[in-house]
């Protein structure tokens, strides 16, 4: 799977139209690379994170969200 063909998913917490990110779960499973992007700019840039960085981001969001 390439980055351009990735299926992007929004968090279930993003129902209110707030500031949200999307991620590409199948890409992560296939490659171990976690892609994230701004849900309001789907054609904009994205970040590619390691599993450790993704885990840290999710942990930070849970603690400070």
N, C-alpha and C. Protein backbone atom coordinates (compact mmCIF):
# COMPACT_ATOMS: atom_id res chain seq x y z
N UNK A 1 0.85 -1.18 0.00
CA UNK A 1 0.00 0.00 0.00
C UNK A 1 0.89 1.24 0.00
N UNK A 2 0.57 2.18 -0.83
CA UNK A 2 1.32 3.43 -0.87
C UNK A 2 0.61 4.49 -0.03
N UNK A 3 1.34 5.53 0.31
CA UNK A 3 0.74 6.62 1.09
C UNK A 3 -0.44 7.24 0.35
N UNK A 4 -0.34 7.36 -0.97
CA UNK A 4 -1.41 8.01 -1.73
C UNK A 4 -2.68 7.17 -1.79
N UNK A 5 -2.57 5.85 -1.62
CA UNK A 5 -3.76 5.00 -1.68
C UNK A 5 -4.27 4.64 -0.28
N UNK A 6 -3.71 5.23 0.74
CA UNK A 6 -4.09 4.90 2.12
C UNK A 6 -5.54 5.30 2.37
N UNK A 7 -6.24 4.47 3.17
CA UNK A 7 -7.60 4.81 3.63
C UNK A 7 -7.45 5.52 4.96
N UNK A 8 -7.97 6.74 5.02
CA UNK A 8 -7.82 7.57 6.21
C UNK A 8 -9.07 7.46 7.08
N UNK A 9 -8.87 7.48 8.39
CA UNK A 9 -9.94 7.30 9.36
C UNK A 9 -9.86 8.42 10.40
N UNK A 10 -11.04 8.99 10.72
CA UNK A 10 -11.11 10.00 11.78
C UNK A 10 -11.40 9.32 13.11
N UNK A 11 -10.99 9.95 14.16
CA UNK A 11 -11.30 9.47 15.49
C UNK A 11 -12.81 9.53 15.72
N UNK A 12 -13.32 8.58 16.48
CA UNK A 12 -14.75 8.61 16.83
C UNK A 12 -15.07 9.80 17.72
N UNK A 13 -14.06 10.42 18.30
CA UNK A 13 -14.25 11.60 19.13
C UNK A 13 -14.38 12.88 18.31
N UNK A 14 -14.27 12.80 17.00
CA UNK A 14 -14.28 14.00 16.17
C UNK A 14 -15.64 14.33 15.59
N UNK A 15 -16.68 13.78 16.14
CA UNK A 15 -18.04 14.00 15.64
C UNK A 15 -18.48 15.46 15.71
N UNK A 16 -17.92 16.24 16.60
CA UNK A 16 -18.38 17.62 16.80
C UNK A 16 -17.79 18.63 15.82
N UNK A 17 -16.97 18.18 14.88
CA UNK A 17 -16.41 19.09 13.89
C UNK A 17 -15.26 19.92 14.40
N UNK A 18 -14.68 19.54 15.53
CA UNK A 18 -13.57 20.28 16.10
C UNK A 18 -12.27 20.02 15.37
N UNK A 19 -11.18 20.34 16.04
CA UNK A 19 -9.86 20.13 15.47
C UNK A 19 -9.52 18.65 15.57
N UNK A 20 -9.40 18.00 14.43
CA UNK A 20 -9.25 16.55 14.41
C UNK A 20 -8.10 16.13 13.51
N UNK A 21 -7.62 14.93 13.80
CA UNK A 21 -6.64 14.32 12.91
C UNK A 21 -7.24 13.03 12.36
N UNK A 22 -6.68 12.59 11.25
CA UNK A 22 -7.02 11.30 10.67
C UNK A 22 -5.75 10.46 10.64
N UNK A 23 -5.91 9.16 10.60
CA UNK A 23 -4.76 8.27 10.47
C UNK A 23 -5.10 7.17 9.49
N UNK A 24 -4.08 6.47 9.05
CA UNK A 24 -4.23 5.41 8.05
C UNK A 24 -3.89 4.06 8.68
N UNK A 25 -4.88 3.38 9.30
CA UNK A 25 -4.59 2.16 10.06
C UNK A 25 -4.03 1.01 9.23
N UNK A 26 -4.54 0.80 8.02
CA UNK A 26 -4.02 -0.30 7.19
C UNK A 26 -2.56 -0.06 6.80
N UNK A 27 -2.23 1.19 6.53
CA UNK A 27 -0.84 1.52 6.21
C UNK A 27 0.06 1.18 7.40
N UNK A 28 -0.40 1.50 8.60
CA UNK A 28 0.37 1.19 9.81
C UNK A 28 0.56 -0.32 9.95
N UNK A 29 -0.49 -1.09 9.71
CA UNK A 29 -0.38 -2.55 9.81
C UNK A 29 0.58 -3.11 8.77
N UNK A 30 0.53 -2.57 7.56
CA UNK A 30 1.37 -3.07 6.47
C UNK A 30 2.83 -2.67 6.60
N UNK A 31 3.09 -1.47 7.13
CA UNK A 31 4.44 -0.93 7.08
C UNK A 31 5.07 -0.63 8.44
N UNK A 32 4.25 -0.51 9.49
CA UNK A 32 4.75 -0.09 10.79
C UNK A 32 4.92 1.41 10.90
N UNK A 33 4.55 2.14 9.85
CA UNK A 33 4.65 3.60 9.81
C UNK A 33 3.25 4.17 10.02
N UNK A 34 3.11 5.07 10.97
CA UNK A 34 1.81 5.65 11.30
C UNK A 34 1.67 7.02 10.64
N UNK A 35 0.77 7.10 9.66
CA UNK A 35 0.53 8.35 8.95
C UNK A 35 -0.61 9.10 9.63
N UNK A 36 -0.43 10.40 9.86
CA UNK A 36 -1.49 11.24 10.40
C UNK A 36 -1.56 12.53 9.60
N UNK A 37 -2.76 13.12 9.56
CA UNK A 37 -2.96 14.38 8.83
C UNK A 37 -4.11 15.15 9.45
N UNK A 38 -4.20 16.41 9.10
CA UNK A 38 -5.29 17.29 9.53
C UNK A 38 -6.54 16.91 8.75
N UNK A 39 -7.63 16.60 9.44
CA UNK A 39 -8.86 16.19 8.76
C UNK A 39 -9.46 17.30 7.91
N UNK A 40 -9.14 18.54 8.22
CA UNK A 40 -9.69 19.66 7.44
C UNK A 40 -8.87 19.94 6.18
N UNK A 41 -7.70 19.31 6.05
CA UNK A 41 -6.83 19.51 4.89
C UNK A 41 -6.39 18.16 4.33
N UNK A 42 -7.34 17.38 3.79
CA UNK A 42 -7.00 16.03 3.34
C UNK A 42 -5.98 16.00 2.20
N UNK A 43 -5.84 17.07 1.47
CA UNK A 43 -4.85 17.11 0.39
C UNK A 43 -3.55 17.78 0.82
N UNK A 44 -3.49 18.15 2.09
CA UNK A 44 -2.29 18.79 2.62
C UNK A 44 -1.25 17.77 3.04
N UNK A 45 -0.23 18.22 3.73
CA UNK A 45 0.84 17.32 4.15
C UNK A 45 0.39 16.37 5.25
N UNK A 46 1.16 15.34 5.48
CA UNK A 46 0.92 14.41 6.57
C UNK A 46 2.23 14.14 7.29
N UNK A 47 2.11 13.60 8.48
CA UNK A 47 3.28 13.19 9.25
C UNK A 47 3.38 11.68 9.21
N UNK A 48 4.59 11.17 9.20
CA UNK A 48 4.85 9.74 9.28
C UNK A 48 5.57 9.49 10.61
N UNK A 49 4.94 8.73 11.49
CA UNK A 49 5.47 8.49 12.82
C UNK A 49 5.87 7.03 13.01
N UNK A 50 6.85 6.81 13.86
CA UNK A 50 7.19 5.45 14.29
C UNK A 50 6.11 4.98 15.27
N UNK A 51 6.11 3.69 15.57
CA UNK A 51 5.15 3.16 16.53
C UNK A 51 5.32 3.83 17.90
N UNK A 52 6.56 4.07 18.29
CA UNK A 52 6.81 4.73 19.58
C UNK A 52 6.30 6.15 19.62
N UNK A 53 6.51 6.88 18.54
CA UNK A 53 6.03 8.27 18.47
C UNK A 53 4.50 8.31 18.46
N UNK A 54 3.88 7.38 17.73
CA UNK A 54 2.41 7.31 17.69
C UNK A 54 1.87 7.02 19.10
N UNK A 55 2.47 6.06 19.78
CA UNK A 55 2.05 5.72 21.13
C UNK A 55 2.19 6.91 22.07
N UNK A 56 3.29 7.64 21.93
CA UNK A 56 3.49 8.85 22.74
C UNK A 56 2.45 9.91 22.46
N UNK A 57 2.10 10.11 21.20
CA UNK A 57 1.09 11.10 20.82
C UNK A 57 -0.27 10.73 21.39
N UNK A 58 -0.65 9.47 21.27
CA UNK A 58 -1.93 9.01 21.79
C UNK A 58 -1.96 9.14 23.31
N UNK A 59 -0.87 8.77 23.97
CA UNK A 59 -0.79 8.92 25.42
C UNK A 59 -0.91 10.36 25.86
N UNK A 60 -0.23 11.26 25.14
CA UNK A 60 -0.31 12.68 25.45
C UNK A 60 -1.74 13.19 25.28
N UNK A 61 -2.40 12.79 24.19
CA UNK A 61 -3.77 13.25 23.93
C UNK A 61 -4.73 12.75 25.02
N UNK A 62 -4.54 11.52 25.47
CA UNK A 62 -5.41 10.98 26.53
C UNK A 62 -5.19 11.74 27.84
N UNK A 63 -3.97 12.11 28.13
CA UNK A 63 -3.66 12.79 29.38
C UNK A 63 -4.04 14.27 29.36
N UNK A 64 -3.87 14.91 28.20
CA UNK A 64 -4.08 16.36 28.12
C UNK A 64 -5.30 16.76 27.30
N UNK A 65 -6.11 15.81 26.88
CA UNK A 65 -7.26 16.11 26.00
C UNK A 65 -8.44 16.50 26.70
